[in-house]
Each structure stands twice: as structure tokens, then as C-alpha cells.
Amino acid sequence: MDLPVLALFGTLFIALILGVPIIWSLALSCVASVALNPNLTYVIIAQRMFAGADSFSLLAVPAFMLAGDIMSNGGLSKRLIDFADSLIGWIAGGVSIVAVSACAFFAAISGSSVATTAAIGGIMYPEMVKRGYPKDYSAAVQAIGGTLGVVIPPSIVFVIYGTITGVSISALLMSGIIPGLFCGLLLAVYCYVVAKRKNFPKGSDFKVPNVMYTFKRAFWALMMPVIILGGIYAAIFTPTEAAVVSVFYGIVVCMFIYRDLDIKGLWKIAQNTAIVTANLMGLVASASVFAYLVAIYNIPVRVTEWFMGFCDTWILFMIIINIIMIIAGMFLDNGSIILILGPILAPLAVSYGIDPIQFGLVVVFILSMGQCTPPFGTCMFVASGISGRPVFGIAKALFGFILVEIFCGLLFSFVPWFSLFIPEMLGM
């Protein structure tokens, strides 16, 4: 292997092992590689960083972040929970199923796993404990529900994956609908089975007037994904434009209809979004240089040739990818993994005849599980912060939920229909 290639990957892994932040690990690896390549100059680093960040599609990221923060602070989460409780709270384990269902609803608004766990968990955890559910199990439900946040559109991670790999962002967003809802359904079934086995209490009785009342209160919150996804379906606006529409919709609903958000609160939300966006865009800029060097060093072709030497079927390839993504998700956040591995693995999947949309969905879904696995699962830590419970106890309670998601991941890997039905139906 060439010395610049060794410098690129060697510096990256050494920096990560030493605990250097991912943005600087990527930047240092690129500088080291360019320094050892006589055909490149440092100017290329600045050029590729600017080109990587100068993307219309990436404008969707801060917009979806801002919309999610507005909705989570504007009273929508409580209304969504009340509506879900009126529908299914009467079932055995109803309050835990309500938590998962509310996370699915909120995921269709926020596009973020951490925001979903924080917004729903802050309300549902004390409610579950109040009704007699074990504390660790109650926290685990909030954590696993949050993983749906990056699968059900709008998804910030899908936007990043599409930008870095060139796959249609609209198609990726649509590919997450059926898998996200299906996984949410299986998680709800698991909650029901656990509740029946451990005799957890039921919620309030089903009453049609109560359903109609809570639906009326949650109507404007429920309309947001309909407007956003419907606009993308009908080609009224692009995903980036949809993100901006969601911001204005959130402001109107939370400030003028629900009146749970004021100018001071909106300003604090905007400040927080700006800080998070600055960090993310710095990461994207560094990753763009890394992806450029990966391409000019012909790494995807080399990796493909190496894989073909011992992995001759797409089934074995998908099994290996599932294992790689599960392990990677335990140590790094979704965006970082996609920015590093996306440019390498996406072309490799195509060489095995795997649809790039299906592969993108599988990668994002498997990585979402990493947010609930030790040692660095972000949703797990958020749930721990909300509940005050130790991470180890929550991780133990999450084991059964993780098995459900692993089953879903394998199903989505080997049955393309789940991810391709809606994009193909819409001609994407």
C-alpha cells in the first residue's frame, strides 16, 4: 500500500484511539497524506473543504435541526403523547407502547434520535415509573424509541448520507417510512409481550370522546409530517425546501396556535442550532477532503477487489456490513461513520448488485442501533440523564429491544421491498 494511503488511514485511527475529536482526526489524516504525496499541494485541502460545505442539500441539516428543536420546545411532544395514550394506552403495557408510538410520531417531526429521546423521554419516563414500571426498563424504552428518529423521515442522517455518496436524498427519505414504522410496530409488540409476562399495569380505558379531544389538540403537530412528506411526494419542494417549510410551520404552530413558545425561547433555540450546525459543517468539510483523497487513491476499487477475493455473494457481503456497522456504531456517532465509510462502502455495494437506496437505508438503520449500545450510545446516555439511572442497568434492559432491531436490520438487508417500495412507487 502507498505511503500516502497508509498515512491517511493510520493517522486517522491513531488520532481516534488517542481521543482526538473526529473533526480534527479527519483533518490531521488528510494533512499527513497530502504532505507525503508529491502530486498534491495543501491548496487542495482548502478547495475541497469549501466545495464539500458548499452544498444546497446540506442546508436541510440546520433547518431540520431548528424545526425539531422548535417542535420539542413548543408543546408538541405532550400533545402527541396524550393522543397516543388515548389510542393505545388501554392495552397491556400500554404506557410503554405509547412511549414507542410517541417516539415514532415525534421522529417524523424532528429527524433526530437524541431530540426524540429527550423530548418524549422527559415526559414518558416519570409517567412509566409512576404507573409501576421498573426504572431501568422505563429508561430503556425512551432510549430505543429514540433510534427511530434517524430512520423515519425527515432524517438528518439520510441527508448527510445522500450528500456524501450522491444517492438521491428524496429517495432515501422515502425509503425510511416502511422500515421505521415496521420496526416501531415490532418494538411495540415486544413491549406488549414483556408487559403480559411481567404483569405490568394497563392504562386508562379506551374512550372515543377522549380520542377525538386529544386528536384535536395534536392536529397541528400531526399535520407537519403530512405537509413535509406530502410536499416531497408531490414534487412541490425538494428536501432542503421542505426543511425550511418545516421551520416556518413550526414557528407558526408553536408561537401563534399553541402559544407555548415566545421570542426569547426561539432565540435560544436558534443559538443552540447554530452551535450544533457549526460543529457538523466543520465535520462535513473535513470529511469532504477525506472522501476526495479516498477517491483519487482508488480506495473503493481496491476494497472491492479485496472483498471479491473472499466474499463472492451479496448475502455474505450484507452480513459482513451488518457486523461492521453494529461494531462501528458502538464507538462513533452516525454522521462520523457515514462520512468516513460512506464513500468506500457505497460503490462496493453497487458492485454486488445491491440497490444504493436499499444499502443506504440498511447502513442508517444499523447505525441507529449504535445509539443504544455501550459504550457510547448517545440515546442511552440521554435516557440515563433523564432518569438518573446507571448506564449499565439501562443497557441490560435494552438487550431484548436490540435483538428486535437486529432482526429488523437483517430483514431490511435481505428483503429490498421494505426500502424500495415507496421510492419505486413514486418513480424515484
Protein backbone atom coordinates (compact mmCIF):
# COMPACT_ATOMS: atom_id res chain seq x y z
CA MET A 1 0.00 0.00 0.00
CA ASP A 2 1.26 3.50 -0.85
CA LEU A 3 2.71 5.65 1.92
CA PRO A 4 0.12 8.47 1.48
CA VAL A 5 -2.68 5.91 1.84
CA LEU A 6 -1.09 4.47 4.97
CA ALA A 7 -0.74 7.99 6.36
CA LEU A 8 -4.39 8.75 5.59
CA PHE A 9 -5.83 5.79 7.50
CA GLY A 10 -3.03 5.32 10.02
CA THR A 11 -3.18 8.91 11.26
CA LEU A 12 -6.98 8.75 11.45
CA PHE A 13 -7.08 5.62 13.59
CA ILE A 14 -4.22 6.68 15.86
CA ALA A 15 -5.86 10.06 16.45
CA LEU A 16 -9.20 8.43 17.24
CA ILE A 17 -7.57 5.98 19.66
CA LEU A 18 -5.87 8.91 21.41
CA GLY A 19 -9.24 10.60 21.84
CA VAL A 20 -8.76 13.42 19.32
CA PRO A 21 -12.18 14.77 18.21
CA ILE A 22 -13.32 13.26 14.92
CA ILE A 23 -13.24 16.59 13.05
CA TRP A 24 -9.54 17.08 13.87
CA SER A 25 -8.72 13.40 13.35
CA LEU A 26 -10.01 13.63 9.80
CA ALA A 27 -8.22 16.93 9.16
CA LEU A 28 -4.89 15.65 10.52
CA SER A 29 -5.09 12.46 8.45
CA CYS A 30 -5.70 14.48 5.28
CA VAL A 31 -2.80 16.85 6.02
CA ALA A 32 -0.46 13.92 6.69
CA SER A 33 -1.47 12.20 3.46
CA VAL A 34 -1.10 15.32 1.31
CA ALA A 35 2.30 16.05 2.88
CA LEU A 36 3.59 12.67 1.70
CA ASN A 37 2.10 12.93 -1.79
CA PRO A 38 4.36 14.90 -4.19
CA ASN A 39 1.47 15.28 -6.67
CA LEU A 40 -0.73 17.22 -4.26
CA THR A 41 -0.44 20.60 -2.53
CA TYR A 42 -2.06 21.93 0.62
CA VAL A 43 -4.25 24.17 -1.53
CA ILE A 44 -6.35 21.12 -2.40
CA ILE A 45 -7.36 20.79 1.27
CA ALA A 46 -8.86 24.28 1.37
CA GLN A 47 -10.51 23.82 -2.02
CA ARG A 48 -12.15 20.51 -1.13
CA MET A 49 -13.27 21.74 2.30
CA PHE A 50 -15.06 24.67 0.71
CA ALA A 51 -16.54 22.52 -2.07
CA GLY A 52 -17.78 19.95 0.44
CA ALA A 53 -19.53 22.50 2.63
CA ASP A 54 -20.91 24.46 -0.34
CA SER A 55 -23.90 22.18 -0.89
CA PHE A 56 -27.55 23.14 -1.33
CA SER A 57 -28.64 19.77 0.06
CA LEU A 58 -26.76 20.35 3.32
CA LEU A 59 -28.88 23.42 4.02
CA ALA A 60 -31.54 20.91 5.03
CA VAL A 61 -29.48 19.82 8.04
CA PRO A 62 -29.62 23.05 10.13
CA ALA A 63 -33.20 23.63 9.02
CA PHE A 64 -34.38 20.20 10.18
CA MET A 65 -32.40 20.66 13.41
CA LEU A 66 -34.06 24.02 14.02
CA ALA A 67 -37.52 22.65 13.22
CA GLY A 68 -37.01 19.71 15.57
CA ASP A 69 -35.87 21.97 18.43
CA ILE A 70 -38.81 24.31 17.87
CA MET A 71 -41.27 21.42 17.96
CA SER A 72 -39.70 19.76 21.01
CA ASN A 73 -39.80 23.04 22.96
CA GLY A 74 -43.15 24.20 21.63
CA GLY A 75 -45.53 21.81 23.39
CA LEU A 76 -45.90 19.26 20.62
CA SER A 77 -44.43 16.27 22.47
CA LYS A 78 -47.04 16.40 25.28
CA ARG A 79 -49.89 16.62 22.77
CA LEU A 80 -48.55 13.70 20.73
CA ILE A 81 -48.19 11.60 23.88
CA ASP A 82 -51.76 12.38 25.01
CA PHE A 83 -53.11 11.37 21.59
CA ALA A 84 -51.13 8.12 21.52
CA ASP A 85 -52.23 7.34 25.10
CA SER A 86 -55.89 7.81 24.20
CA LEU A 87 -55.50 5.37 21.29
CA ILE A 88 -53.47 2.54 22.79
CA GLY A 89 -52.97 3.27 26.49
CA TRP A 90 -55.63 0.69 27.41
CA ILE A 91 -53.57 -2.24 26.03
CA ALA A 92 -51.38 -4.33 28.34
CA GLY A 93 -48.11 -2.45 28.61
CA GLY A 94 -49.96 0.45 27.06
CA VAL A 95 -47.84 3.24 28.51
CA SER A 96 -44.63 1.67 27.16
CA ILE A 97 -46.29 1.23 23.76
CA VAL A 98 -47.40 4.85 23.98
CA ALA A 99 -43.76 5.87 24.53
CA VAL A 100 -42.62 3.97 21.40
CA SER A 101 -45.55 5.30 19.35
CA ALA A 102 -44.94 8.87 20.52
CA CYS A 103 -41.27 8.49 19.53
CA ALA A 104 -42.37 7.38 16.05
CA PHE A 105 -44.68 10.40 15.78
CA PHE A 106 -42.00 12.76 17.02
CA ALA A 107 -39.38 11.18 14.75
CA ALA A 108 -41.49 12.28 11.80
CA ILE A 109 -41.10 15.83 13.08
CA SER A 110 -37.58 16.15 14.47
CA GLY A 111 -35.31 13.96 12.28
CA SER A 112 -33.03 13.41 15.28
CA SER A 113 -32.69 10.44 17.64
CA VAL A 114 -31.32 12.46 20.55
CA ALA A 115 -34.08 15.08 20.24
CA THR A 116 -36.70 12.30 20.13
CA THR A 117 -35.39 10.59 23.27
CA ALA A 118 -35.07 13.90 25.11
CA ALA A 119 -38.49 15.27 24.14
CA ILE A 120 -40.54 12.10 24.69
CA GLY A 121 -38.43 10.57 27.45
CA GLY A 122 -38.65 13.67 29.61
CA ILE A 123 -42.41 13.17 29.81
CA MET A 124 -42.84 9.40 29.48
CA TYR A 125 -40.14 8.18 31.89
CA PRO A 126 -41.72 9.70 35.04
CA GLU A 127 -45.14 8.55 33.82
CA MET A 128 -43.99 4.95 33.39
CA VAL A 129 -42.33 4.92 36.81
CA LYS A 130 -45.46 6.45 38.33
CA ARG A 131 -47.52 3.57 36.91
CA GLY A 132 -45.24 0.92 38.41
CA TYR A 133 -42.81 0.08 35.62
CA PRO A 134 -39.19 -0.80 36.57
CA LYS A 135 -36.97 2.26 36.36
CA ASP A 136 -34.26 0.76 34.14
CA TYR A 137 -36.85 -0.69 31.76
CA SER A 138 -38.67 2.66 31.61
CA ALA A 139 -35.43 4.44 30.68
CA ALA A 140 -34.61 1.75 28.09
CA VAL A 141 -37.95 2.30 26.34
CA GLN A 142 -37.16 6.00 25.88
CA ALA A 143 -33.69 5.19 24.51
CA ILE A 144 -34.84 2.57 21.99
CA GLY A 145 -37.73 4.74 20.83
CA GLY A 146 -35.26 7.49 20.02
CA THR A 147 -33.47 5.30 17.47
CA LEU A 148 -36.48 5.69 15.16
CA GLY A 149 -35.58 9.38 14.87
CA VAL A 150 -32.97 8.84 12.13
CA VAL A 151 -34.97 6.25 10.19
CA ILE A 152 -38.43 7.80 9.86
CA PRO A 153 -38.19 10.92 7.65
CA PRO A 154 -37.25 13.69 7.85
CA SER A 155 -33.83 12.32 8.80
CA ILE A 156 -30.69 14.43 9.12
CA VAL A 157 -28.52 11.31 8.71
CA PHE A 158 -30.17 10.46 5.38
CA VAL A 159 -29.36 13.96 4.15
CA ILE A 160 -25.69 13.51 5.11
CA TYR A 161 -25.52 10.04 3.52
CA GLY A 162 -27.10 11.26 0.28
CA THR A 163 -24.77 14.26 0.11
CA ILE A 164 -21.58 12.27 0.68
CA THR A 165 -22.49 9.33 -1.63
CA GLY A 166 -24.52 11.04 -4.35
CA VAL A 167 -27.64 8.93 -3.74
CA SER A 168 -30.99 10.73 -4.14
CA ILE A 169 -31.89 12.31 -0.79
CA SER A 170 -35.60 12.29 -1.62
CA ALA A 171 -35.48 8.55 -2.35
CA LEU A 172 -33.53 7.87 0.84
CA LEU A 173 -36.07 9.78 2.93
CA MET A 174 -38.94 7.84 1.38
CA SER A 175 -37.11 4.53 1.90
CA GLY A 176 -37.22 5.01 5.68
CA ILE A 177 -41.00 5.17 6.06
CA ILE A 178 -41.94 1.48 5.93
CA PRO A 179 -38.84 0.19 7.81
CA GLY A 180 -39.26 2.84 10.53
CA LEU A 181 -42.94 2.10 11.08
CA PHE A 182 -42.39 -1.67 10.87
CA CYS A 183 -39.60 -1.55 13.44
CA GLY A 184 -41.75 0.65 15.68
CA LEU A 185 -44.54 -1.94 15.42
CA LEU A 186 -42.23 -4.81 16.42
CA LEU A 187 -40.86 -2.78 19.34
CA ALA A 188 -44.45 -2.17 20.46
CA VAL A 189 -45.18 -5.91 20.19
CA TYR A 190 -42.10 -6.62 22.32
CA CYS A 191 -43.37 -4.11 24.93
CA TYR A 192 -46.72 -5.92 24.94
CA VAL A 193 -45.11 -9.34 25.38
CA VAL A 194 -42.92 -8.10 28.24
CA ALA A 195 -45.92 -6.41 29.89
CA LYS A 196 -48.02 -9.58 29.71
CA ARG A 197 -45.18 -11.74 31.01
CA LYS A 198 -44.38 -9.41 33.92
CA ASN A 199 -47.97 -8.31 34.53
CA PHE A 200 -47.34 -4.59 34.08
CA PRO A 201 -50.41 -2.37 34.66
CA LYS A 202 -52.73 -1.18 31.91
CA GLY A 203 -53.57 2.46 31.29
CA SER A 204 -56.90 4.23 31.09
CA ASP A 205 -59.89 2.75 29.24
CA PHE A 206 -60.44 3.45 25.56
CA LYS A 207 -62.95 6.26 25.09
CA VAL A 208 -63.86 7.72 21.70
CA PRO A 209 -64.55 11.24 23.05
CA ASN A 210 -61.09 11.27 24.63
CA VAL A 211 -59.51 10.17 21.34
CA MET A 212 -61.31 12.95 19.46
CA TYR A 213 -60.29 15.54 22.07
CA THR A 214 -56.61 14.58 22.06
CA PHE A 215 -56.61 14.33 18.26
CA LYS A 216 -57.94 17.87 18.05
CA ARG A 217 -55.21 19.12 20.40
CA ALA A 218 -52.49 17.26 18.46
CA PHE A 219 -53.88 18.02 14.99
CA TRP A 220 -51.34 20.68 14.02
CA ALA A 221 -48.46 18.55 15.25
CA LEU A 222 -49.72 15.55 13.27
CA MET A 223 -50.08 17.67 10.14
CA MET A 224 -46.40 18.58 9.98
CA PRO A 225 -45.10 15.26 8.59
CA VAL A 226 -48.10 15.14 6.26
CA ILE A 227 -47.24 18.55 4.81
CA ILE A 228 -43.48 17.93 4.63
CA LEU A 229 -43.55 14.41 3.23
CA GLY A 230 -46.59 15.13 1.07
CA GLY A 231 -44.75 18.08 -0.46
CA ILE A 232 -41.77 15.87 -1.28
CA TYR A 233 -44.02 13.10 -2.67
CA ALA A 234 -45.82 15.55 -4.93
CA ALA A 235 -42.55 17.22 -6.01
CA ILE A 236 -43.82 20.55 -4.69
CA PHE A 237 -40.49 21.14 -2.98
CA THR A 238 -37.10 19.48 -2.50
CA PRO A 239 -35.98 18.02 0.84
CA THR A 240 -33.99 21.21 1.50
CA GLU A 241 -37.01 23.40 0.78
CA ALA A 242 -39.14 21.03 2.89
CA ALA A 243 -36.78 21.62 5.82
CA VAL A 244 -37.23 25.38 5.55
CA VAL A 245 -41.02 24.98 5.27
CA SER A 246 -40.95 22.86 8.44
CA VAL A 247 -39.18 25.68 10.31
CA PHE A 248 -41.80 28.25 9.35
CA TYR A 249 -44.60 25.79 10.06
CA GLY A 250 -43.14 25.04 13.49
CA ILE A 251 -42.83 28.73 14.34
CA VAL A 252 -46.43 29.45 13.32
CA VAL A 253 -47.85 26.45 15.21
CA CYS A 254 -45.78 26.79 18.41
CA MET A 255 -45.86 30.60 18.69
CA PHE A 256 -49.27 31.55 17.33
CA ILE A 257 -51.51 28.47 17.63
CA TYR A 258 -50.26 26.60 20.71
CA ARG A 259 -48.54 29.71 22.15
CA ASP A 260 -46.04 27.60 24.08
CA LEU A 261 -43.01 29.34 22.57
CA ASP A 262 -42.01 33.01 22.77
CA ILE A 263 -39.37 35.15 21.04
CA LYS A 264 -36.86 34.62 23.86
CA GLY A 265 -37.26 30.85 23.63
CA LEU A 266 -36.95 30.93 19.83
CA TRP A 267 -33.72 32.92 20.09
CA LYS A 268 -32.19 30.37 22.48
CA ILE A 269 -33.21 27.53 20.15
CA ALA A 270 -31.62 29.34 17.18
CA GLN A 271 -28.38 29.84 19.11
CA ASN A 272 -28.22 26.16 20.01
CA THR A 273 -28.90 25.13 16.42
CA ALA A 274 -26.17 27.46 15.15
CA ILE A 275 -23.59 25.89 17.50
CA VAL A 276 -24.52 22.33 16.56
CA THR A 277 -24.58 23.21 12.85
CA ALA A 278 -21.13 24.82 13.02
CA ASN A 279 -19.68 21.65 14.54
CA LEU A 280 -21.41 19.44 11.98
CA MET A 281 -20.39 21.54 8.98
CA GLY A 282 -16.78 21.52 10.16
CA LEU A 283 -17.00 17.74 10.26
CA VAL A 284 -18.53 17.64 6.77
CA ALA A 285 -15.80 19.91 5.39
CA SER A 286 -13.03 17.70 6.82
CA ALA A 287 -14.80 14.56 5.63
CA SER A 288 -15.08 16.01 2.11
CA VAL A 289 -11.29 16.21 1.87
CA PHE A 290 -11.04 12.67 3.22
CA ALA A 291 -13.59 11.42 0.64
CA TYR A 292 -11.67 13.19 -2.16
CA LEU A 293 -8.41 11.52 -1.16
CA VAL A 294 -10.17 8.15 -0.89
CA ALA A 295 -11.38 8.61 -4.46
CA ILE A 296 -8.07 9.70 -6.03
CA TYR A 297 -6.21 6.89 -4.25
CA ASN A 298 -8.72 4.48 -5.82
CA ILE A 299 -9.59 3.02 -2.41
CA PRO A 300 -13.13 1.86 -3.39
CA VAL A 301 -11.73 -0.21 -6.28
CA ARG A 302 -9.02 -1.71 -4.06
CA VAL A 303 -11.54 -2.56 -1.35
CA THR A 304 -13.89 -4.08 -3.94
CA GLU A 305 -11.14 -6.29 -5.34
CA TRP A 306 -10.18 -7.37 -1.82
CA PHE A 307 -13.77 -8.17 -0.86
CA MET A 308 -14.38 -10.09 -4.09
CA GLY A 309 -11.45 -12.31 -3.21
CA PHE A 310 -13.23 -13.94 -0.25
CA CYS A 311 -16.82 -12.67 -0.39
CA ASP A 312 -18.47 -13.88 -3.58
CA THR A 313 -22.15 -13.33 -2.77
CA TRP A 314 -24.15 -10.25 -1.88
CA ILE A 315 -25.72 -12.12 1.07
CA LEU A 316 -22.36 -12.69 2.76
CA PHE A 317 -21.43 -9.08 1.97
CA MET A 318 -24.56 -7.74 3.69
CA ILE A 319 -23.92 -9.92 6.75
CA ILE A 320 -20.38 -8.51 6.99
CA ILE A 321 -21.68 -4.94 6.58
CA ASN A 322 -24.23 -5.50 9.35
CA ILE A 323 -21.48 -6.68 11.71
CA ILE A 324 -19.16 -3.79 10.76
CA MET A 325 -21.88 -1.19 11.27
CA ILE A 326 -23.02 -2.62 14.60
CA ILE A 327 -19.45 -2.52 15.94
CA ALA A 328 -18.71 0.94 14.47
CA GLY A 329 -21.96 2.30 15.90
CA MET A 330 -20.82 1.34 19.40
CA PHE A 331 -17.90 3.78 19.28
CA LEU A 332 -18.70 6.65 16.87
CA ASP A 333 -21.77 8.72 16.06
CA ASN A 334 -23.78 8.02 12.90
CA GLY A 335 -22.66 11.08 10.95
CA SER A 336 -18.97 10.43 11.51
CA ILE A 337 -19.20 6.79 10.41
CA ILE A 338 -21.13 7.68 7.27
CA LEU A 339 -18.69 10.44 6.37
CA ILE A 340 -15.73 8.07 6.78
CA LEU A 341 -17.10 4.80 5.39
CA GLY A 342 -19.83 6.02 3.02
CA PRO A 343 -17.53 6.91 0.08
CA ILE A 344 -15.84 3.49 0.41
CA LEU A 345 -18.77 1.16 1.01
CA ALA A 346 -21.43 2.69 -1.28
CA PRO A 347 -19.56 1.87 -4.53
CA LEU A 348 -18.71 -1.56 -3.12
CA ALA A 349 -22.42 -2.32 -2.55
CA VAL A 350 -23.22 -1.37 -6.15
CA SER A 351 -20.57 -3.82 -7.39
CA TYR A 352 -22.52 -6.58 -5.63
CA GLY A 353 -25.72 -5.51 -7.38
CA ILE A 354 -27.31 -4.00 -4.27
CA ASP A 355 -29.58 -1.04 -4.85
CA PRO A 356 -27.89 2.11 -3.45
CA ILE A 357 -31.15 3.24 -1.82
CA GLN A 358 -31.60 -0.08 -0.02
CA PHE A 359 -27.96 -0.06 1.07
CA GLY A 360 -28.27 3.49 2.41
CA LEU A 361 -31.34 2.52 4.42
CA VAL A 362 -29.61 -0.55 5.87
CA VAL A 363 -26.49 1.43 6.85
CA VAL A 364 -28.51 4.18 8.55
CA PHE A 365 -30.81 1.70 10.30
CA ILE A 366 -27.99 -0.47 11.66
CA LEU A 367 -26.09 2.60 12.80
CA SER A 368 -29.18 3.84 14.63
CA MET A 369 -28.89 0.80 16.90
CA GLY A 370 -25.46 2.02 17.94
CA GLN A 371 -27.15 4.91 19.72
CA CYS A 372 -28.46 2.41 22.27
CA THR A 373 -25.39 0.22 22.71
CA PRO A 374 -22.46 0.56 25.12
CA PRO A 375 -20.03 2.14 25.47
CA PHE A 376 -21.00 5.40 23.70
CA GLY A 377 -24.69 5.14 22.71
CA THR A 378 -25.98 8.73 22.71
CA CYS A 379 -29.66 7.87 23.23
CA MET A 380 -28.67 5.58 26.09
CA PHE A 381 -26.77 8.42 27.76
CA VAL A 382 -29.65 10.85 27.23
CA ALA A 383 -32.04 8.33 28.81
CA SER A 384 -29.59 7.94 31.70
CA GLY A 385 -29.50 11.72 32.16
CA ILE A 386 -33.29 11.98 32.12
CA SER A 387 -33.84 9.10 34.51
CA GLY A 388 -30.77 9.31 36.74
CA ARG A 389 -30.32 5.57 36.27
CA PRO A 390 -26.86 4.00 35.69
CA VAL A 391 -25.92 3.29 32.07
CA PHE A 392 -25.17 -0.38 32.84
CA GLY A 393 -28.68 -1.02 34.14
CA ILE A 394 -30.28 0.66 31.12
CA ALA A 395 -28.01 -1.28 28.75
CA LYS A 396 -29.09 -4.53 30.37
CA ALA A 397 -32.77 -3.61 29.95
CA LEU A 398 -32.12 -2.69 26.31
CA PHE A 399 -30.86 -6.17 25.35
CA GLY A 400 -34.23 -7.53 24.20
CA PHE A 401 -35.01 -4.36 22.25
CA ILE A 402 -31.64 -4.54 20.48
CA LEU A 403 -32.37 -8.13 19.40
CA VAL A 404 -35.62 -6.91 17.84
CA GLU A 405 -33.76 -4.21 15.91
CA ILE A 406 -31.06 -6.67 14.78
CA PHE A 407 -33.84 -8.88 13.38
CA CYS A 408 -35.29 -5.86 11.57
CA GLY A 409 -31.85 -4.93 10.21
CA LEU A 410 -31.34 -8.39 8.75
CA LEU A 411 -34.85 -8.36 7.29
CA PHE A 412 -34.26 -5.00 5.60
CA SER A 413 -30.89 -6.24 4.34
CA PHE A 414 -32.32 -9.28 2.55
CA VAL A 415 -35.81 -8.08 1.56
CA PRO A 416 -35.44 -4.98 -0.67
CA TRP A 417 -39.21 -4.38 -0.73
CA PHE A 418 -39.16 -2.67 2.67
CA SER A 419 -36.88 0.13 1.48
CA LEU A 420 -37.70 0.28 -2.24
CA PHE A 421 -41.48 0.01 -2.42
CA ILE A 422 -42.30 3.69 -1.82
CA PRO A 423 -39.38 5.16 -3.85
CA GLU A 424 -40.26 2.90 -6.80
CA MET A 425 -43.94 3.69 -6.47
CA LEU A 426 -43.11 7.40 -6.67
CA GLY A 427 -40.72 6.87 -9.59
CA MET A 428 -37.64 7.98 -7.65
